[in-house]
Amino acid sequence: MLGVRLTLHGVRCGSVRTRRTNVADNTGTPSWEFAPLTLAGKVVRLEPIRREHVTLFWDAVKEVSEDVFRWFPWPMRTVDDFGRYVDRVLAEQEKRTSVGFATVLKESGQVVGSTRFMNMDPPNRSVEIGSTWIAPQWQRTAVNTEAKYLMLRHAFENWNCLRVE
């Protein structure tokens, strides 16, 4: 077993352990859940992206979208841009290459960002975590740290990934 200890602002919040065994179905491909996933921690809940998130995403960053999305490869300046973003994520989920999440503050239910599993490669037990954005007032807080912990834990413990980028 390979173990990684994770801390959040100096407090141990868990560990990730992976087994180097192939947990495969009859086809020899690891069985991954592509159905909408919800991952919950102490601070955030990662819930499946839905069309209803378009306006919630826009509300979270409409005053600062130029700064938040400066390096995104497509424009994110209007509510319509967020609609196209959500459509893109949902289309990738249909193709089973992506699983998108809305990042929600657990205590208040406020949507503060988004992240996703991308470039999913079940036969090689590999996945990428990316396309992450968080509204500025929640950057450099426990929000992203815990979101990434939840995703890493799911990738290693549930999907038995060998590689997460």
C-alpha atoms as a PDB file:
ATOM      1  CA  MET A   1       0.000   0.000   0.000  1.00  0.00           C
ATOM      2  CA  LEU A   2       1.033   3.531  -0.753  1.00  0.00           C
ATOM      3  CA  GLY A   3      -0.065   6.168   1.767  1.00  0.00           C
ATOM      4  CA  VAL A   4      -0.227   9.955   1.661  1.00  0.00           C
ATOM      5  CA  ARG A   5      -1.082  12.061   4.716  1.00  0.00           C
ATOM      6  CA  LEU A   6      -2.966  15.283   4.061  1.00  0.00           C
ATOM      7  CA  THR A   7      -3.196  18.292   6.367  1.00  0.00           C
ATOM      8  CA  LEU A   8      -5.443  21.315   6.174  1.00  0.00           C
ATOM      9  CA  HIS A   9      -4.048  24.423   7.884  1.00  0.00           C
ATOM     10  CA  GLY A  10      -1.915  22.238  10.149  1.00  0.00           C
ATOM     11  CA  VAL A  11      -4.731  19.853  11.107  1.00  0.00           C
ATOM     12  CA  ARG A  12      -4.602  16.291   9.830  1.00  0.00           C
ATOM     13  CA  CYS A  13      -7.684  15.783   7.705  1.00  0.00           C
ATOM     14  CA  GLY A  14      -7.061  12.274   6.487  1.00  0.00           C
ATOM     15  CA  SER A  15      -4.892  10.027   4.475  1.00  0.00           C
ATOM     16  CA  VAL A  16      -5.142   8.482   1.068  1.00  0.00           C
ATOM     17  CA  ARG A  17      -4.168   4.847   0.688  1.00  0.00           C
ATOM     18  CA  THR A  18      -3.988   3.059  -2.614  1.00  0.00           C
ATOM     19  CA  ARG A  19      -3.805  -0.607  -3.403  1.00  0.00           C
ATOM     20  CA  ARG A  20      -1.757  -1.700  -6.348  1.00  0.00           C
ATOM     21  CA  THR A  21      -4.284  -4.338  -7.300  1.00  0.00           C
ATOM     22  CA  ASN A  22      -6.428  -4.321 -10.388  1.00  0.00           C
ATOM     23  CA  VAL A  23     -10.073  -4.040  -9.385  1.00  0.00           C
ATOM     24  CA  ALA A  24     -11.578  -4.802 -12.752  1.00  0.00           C
ATOM     25  CA  ASP A  25     -14.891  -5.949 -14.094  1.00  0.00           C
ATOM     26  CA  ASN A  26     -15.339  -8.753 -16.628  1.00  0.00           C
ATOM     27  CA  THR A  27     -13.874  -6.625 -19.433  1.00  0.00           C
ATOM     28  CA  GLY A  28     -10.606  -6.007 -17.618  1.00  0.00           C
ATOM     29  CA  THR A  29     -11.443  -2.302 -17.271  1.00  0.00           C
ATOM     30  CA  PRO A  30     -11.754  -0.767 -13.799  1.00  0.00           C
ATOM     31  CA  SER A  31     -15.366  -0.064 -12.926  1.00  0.00           C
ATOM     32  CA  TRP A  32     -15.717   3.717 -12.555  1.00  0.00           C
ATOM     33  CA  GLU A  33     -18.873   5.537 -11.558  1.00  0.00           C
ATOM     34  CA  PHE A  34     -19.778   8.081 -14.178  1.00  0.00           C
ATOM     35  CA  ALA A  35     -23.134   8.765 -12.619  1.00  0.00           C
ATOM     36  CA  PRO A  36     -23.364  12.106 -10.863  1.00  0.00           C
ATOM     37  CA  LEU A  37     -21.151  12.015  -7.774  1.00  0.00           C
ATOM     38  CA  THR A  38     -21.434  14.102  -4.620  1.00  0.00           C
ATOM     39  CA  LEU A  39     -18.312  14.371  -2.471  1.00  0.00           C
ATOM     40  CA  ALA A  40     -18.682  16.032   0.921  1.00  0.00           C
ATOM     41  CA  GLY A  41     -16.188  17.190   3.512  1.00  0.00           C
ATOM     42  CA  LYS A  42     -16.287  19.477   6.535  1.00  0.00           C
ATOM     43  CA  VAL A  43     -16.103  22.747   4.584  1.00  0.00           C
ATOM     44  CA  VAL A  44     -17.319  22.008   1.051  1.00  0.00           C
ATOM     45  CA  ARG A  45     -19.627  19.753  -0.884  1.00  0.00           C
ATOM     46  CA  LEU A  46     -18.793  18.942  -4.481  1.00  0.00           C
ATOM     47  CA  GLU A  47     -22.109  18.349  -6.183  1.00  0.00           C
ATOM     48  CA  PRO A  48     -22.792  17.348  -9.780  1.00  0.00           C
ATOM     49  CA  ILE A  49     -22.946  20.270 -12.202  1.00  0.00           C
ATOM     50  CA  ARG A  50     -26.492  20.925 -13.384  1.00  0.00           C
ATOM     51  CA  ARG A  51     -28.031  23.524 -15.683  1.00  0.00           C
ATOM     52  CA  GLU A  52     -29.330  25.311 -12.554  1.00  0.00           C
ATOM     53  CA  HIS A  53     -25.729  26.147 -11.649  1.00  0.00           C
ATOM     54  CA  VAL A  54     -25.307  28.538 -14.594  1.00  0.00           C
ATOM     55  CA  THR A  55     -26.765  31.568 -12.791  1.00  0.00           C
ATOM     56  CA  LEU A  56     -25.227  30.531  -9.460  1.00  0.00           C
ATOM     57  CA  PHE A  57     -21.769  30.415 -11.075  1.00  0.00           C
ATOM     58  CA  TRP A  58     -22.371  33.789 -12.705  1.00  0.00           C
ATOM     59  CA  ASP A  59     -23.557  35.318  -9.425  1.00  0.00           C
ATOM     60  CA  ALA A  60     -20.408  34.086  -7.667  1.00  0.00           C
ATOM     61  CA  VAL A  61     -17.987  35.865 -10.036  1.00  0.00           C
ATOM     62  CA  LYS A  62     -19.824  38.357 -12.259  1.00  0.00           C
ATOM     63  CA  GLU A  63     -17.974  41.334 -10.741  1.00  0.00           C
ATOM     64  CA  VAL A  64     -14.520  39.717 -11.112  1.00  0.00           C
ATOM     65  CA  SER A  65     -14.849  37.305 -14.036  1.00  0.00           C
ATOM     66  CA  GLU A  66     -12.053  38.992 -16.022  1.00  0.00           C
ATOM     67  CA  ASP A  67      -9.564  38.248 -13.226  1.00  0.00           C
ATOM     68  CA  VAL A  68     -10.813  34.771 -12.317  1.00  0.00           C
ATOM     69  CA  PHE A  69     -10.897  33.510 -15.900  1.00  0.00           C
ATOM     70  CA  ARG A  70      -7.900  35.350 -17.327  1.00  0.00           C
ATOM     71  CA  TRP A  71      -6.127  32.087 -18.262  1.00  0.00           C
ATOM     72  CA  PHE A  72      -9.130  30.013 -19.313  1.00  0.00           C
ATOM     73  CA  PRO A  73      -9.006  28.947 -22.971  1.00  0.00           C
ATOM     74  CA  TRP A  74     -12.523  30.263 -23.668  1.00  0.00           C
ATOM     75  CA  PRO A  75     -14.318  33.475 -22.647  1.00  0.00           C
ATOM     76  CA  MET A  76     -16.192  33.538 -19.314  1.00  0.00           C
ATOM     77  CA  ARG A  77     -17.532  37.101 -19.302  1.00  0.00           C
ATOM     78  CA  THR A  78     -21.322  36.670 -19.465  1.00  0.00           C
ATOM     79  CA  VAL A  79     -24.023  34.407 -18.101  1.00  0.00           C
ATOM     80  CA  ASP A  80     -24.273  32.938 -21.629  1.00  0.00           C
ATOM     81  CA  ASP A  81     -20.574  31.989 -21.451  1.00  0.00           C
ATOM     82  CA  PHE A  82     -21.333  30.105 -18.239  1.00  0.00           C
ATOM     83  CA  GLY A  83     -24.207  28.373 -20.007  1.00  0.00           C
ATOM     84  CA  ARG A  84     -21.838  27.180 -22.724  1.00  0.00           C
ATOM     85  CA  TYR A  85     -19.343  26.080 -20.055  1.00  0.00           C
ATOM     86  CA  VAL A  86     -21.964  23.959 -18.279  1.00  0.00           C
ATOM     87  CA  ASP A  87     -23.142  22.535 -21.624  1.00  0.00           C
ATOM     88  CA  ARG A  88     -19.526  21.571 -22.418  1.00  0.00           C
ATOM     89  CA  VAL A  89     -19.081  19.832 -19.054  1.00  0.00           C
ATOM     90  CA  LEU A  90     -22.388  17.956 -19.405  1.00  0.00           C
ATOM     91  CA  ALA A  91     -21.483  16.869 -22.956  1.00  0.00           C
ATOM     92  CA  GLU A  92     -18.122  15.531 -21.738  1.00  0.00           C
ATOM     93  CA  GLN A  93     -19.906  13.645 -18.967  1.00  0.00           C
ATOM     94  CA  GLU A  94     -22.142  12.027 -21.569  1.00  0.00           C
ATOM     95  CA  LYS A  95     -18.995  10.887 -23.407  1.00  0.00           C
ATOM     96  CA  ARG A  96     -17.579   9.623 -20.097  1.00  0.00           C
ATOM     97  CA  THR A  97     -14.431  11.747 -20.317  1.00  0.00           C
ATOM     98  CA  SER A  98     -15.248  14.199 -17.527  1.00  0.00           C
ATOM     99  CA  VAL A  99     -17.133  14.507 -14.229  1.00  0.00           C
ATOM    100  CA  GLY A 100     -17.892  18.105 -13.245  1.00  0.00           C
ATOM    101  CA  PHE A 101     -18.685  19.559  -9.831  1.00  0.00           C
ATOM    102  CA  ALA A 102     -20.060  22.763  -8.403  1.00  0.00           C
ATOM    103  CA  THR A 103     -18.062  23.726  -5.309  1.00  0.00           C
ATOM    104  CA  VAL A 104     -20.569  24.571  -2.571  1.00  0.00           C
ATOM    105  CA  LEU A 105     -19.943  25.884   0.943  1.00  0.00           C
ATOM    106  CA  LYS A 106     -21.397  23.203   3.167  1.00  0.00           C
ATOM    107  CA  GLU A 107     -22.550  25.559   5.924  1.00  0.00           C
ATOM    108  CA  SER A 108     -24.419  28.095   3.768  1.00  0.00           C
ATOM    109  CA  GLY A 109     -25.102  26.212   0.522  1.00  0.00           C
ATOM    110  CA  GLN A 110     -23.474  29.026  -1.467  1.00  0.00           C
ATOM    111  CA  VAL A 111     -21.863  28.081  -4.785  1.00  0.00           C
ATOM    112  CA  VAL A 112     -18.291  29.443  -4.844  1.00  0.00           C
ATOM    113  CA  GLY A 113     -16.653  27.672  -7.785  1.00  0.00           C
ATOM    114  CA  SER A 114     -16.244  24.574  -9.888  1.00  0.00           C
ATOM    115  CA  THR A 115     -13.786  21.763 -10.529  1.00  0.00           C
ATOM    116  CA  ARG A 116     -13.787  18.467 -12.364  1.00  0.00           C
ATOM    117  CA  PHE A 117     -12.218  15.153 -13.166  1.00  0.00           C
ATOM    118  CA  MET A 118     -10.994  15.346 -16.773  1.00  0.00           C
ATOM    119  CA  ASN A 119      -9.212  13.216 -19.358  1.00  0.00           C
ATOM    120  CA  MET A 120     -10.560  10.115 -17.657  1.00  0.00           C
ATOM    121  CA  ASP A 121      -8.760   6.962 -18.747  1.00  0.00           C
ATOM    122  CA  PRO A 122     -10.227   3.932 -16.907  1.00  0.00           C
ATOM    123  CA  PRO A 123      -8.184   1.257 -18.747  1.00  0.00           C
ATOM    124  CA  ASN A 124      -4.988   2.932 -17.551  1.00  0.00           C
ATOM    125  CA  ARG A 125      -6.479   3.959 -14.193  1.00  0.00           C
ATOM    126  CA  SER A 126      -5.573   7.577 -14.792  1.00  0.00           C
ATOM    127  CA  VAL A 127      -7.461  10.851 -14.356  1.00  0.00           C
ATOM    128  CA  GLU A 128      -6.728  14.573 -14.307  1.00  0.00           C
ATOM    129  CA  ILE A 129      -8.125  17.110 -11.836  1.00  0.00           C
ATOM    130  CA  GLY A 130      -8.559  20.522 -13.379  1.00  0.00           C
ATOM    131  CA  SER A 131     -10.635  23.297 -14.855  1.00  0.00           C
ATOM    132  CA  THR A 132     -10.871  24.630 -11.305  1.00  0.00           C
ATOM    133  CA  TRP A 133     -12.001  28.123 -10.460  1.00  0.00           C
ATOM    134  CA  ILE A 134     -12.988  29.657  -7.135  1.00  0.00           C
ATOM    135  CA  ALA A 135     -14.466  33.076  -6.399  1.00  0.00           C
ATOM    136  CA  PRO A 136     -11.744  35.359  -5.004  1.00  0.00           C
ATOM    137  CA  GLN A 137     -13.150  35.704  -1.476  1.00  0.00           C
ATOM    138  CA  TRP A 138     -12.733  31.926  -0.996  1.00  0.00           C
ATOM    139  CA  GLN A 139      -9.314  31.602  -2.603  1.00  0.00           C
ATOM    140  CA  ARG A 140      -6.481  30.765  -0.174  1.00  0.00           C
ATOM    141  CA  THR A 141      -8.975  29.175   2.255  1.00  0.00           C
ATOM    142  CA  ALA A 142      -9.802  25.579   3.080  1.00  0.00           C
ATOM    143  CA  VAL A 143     -12.238  25.435   0.133  1.00  0.00           C
ATOM    144  CA  ASN A 144      -9.841  24.333  -2.610  1.00  0.00           C
ATOM    145  CA  THR A 145      -7.627  22.285  -0.291  1.00  0.00           C
ATOM    146  CA  GLU A 146     -10.551  20.178   0.867  1.00  0.00           C
ATOM    147  CA  ALA A 147     -12.052  19.941  -2.627  1.00  0.00           C
ATOM    148  CA  LYS A 148      -8.803  18.503  -3.972  1.00  0.00           C
ATOM    149  CA  TYR A 149      -8.506  16.142  -0.984  1.00  0.00           C
ATOM    150  CA  LEU A 150     -12.027  14.811  -1.637  1.00  0.00           C
ATOM    151  CA  MET A 151     -11.251  14.302  -5.318  1.00  0.00           C
ATOM    152  CA  LEU A 152      -7.887  12.633  -4.684  1.00  0.00           C
ATOM    153  CA  ARG A 153      -9.452  10.357  -2.091  1.00  0.00           C
ATOM    154  CA  HIS A 154     -12.209   9.355  -4.504  1.00  0.00           C
ATOM    155  CA  ALA A 155      -9.776   8.763  -7.371  1.00  0.00           C
ATOM    156  CA  PHE A 156      -7.442   6.576  -5.316  1.00  0.00           C
ATOM    157  CA  GLU A 157      -9.881   4.807  -2.997  1.00  0.00           C
ATOM    158  CA  ASN A 158     -12.940   4.363  -5.198  1.00  0.00           C
ATOM    159  CA  TRP A 159     -11.499   4.209  -8.697  1.00  0.00           C
ATOM    160  CA  ASN A 160      -8.157   2.685  -7.641  1.00  0.00           C
ATOM    161  CA  CYS A 161      -6.274   5.139  -9.837  1.00  0.00           C
ATOM    162  CA  LEU A 162      -2.571   4.685 -10.305  1.00  0.00           C
ATOM    163  CA  ARG A 163      -2.127   8.208 -11.648  1.00  0.00           C
ATOM    164  CA  VAL A 164      -3.853  11.502 -10.865  1.00  0.00           C
ATOM    165  CA  GLU A 165      -2.580  14.632 -12.553  1.00  0.00           C
END
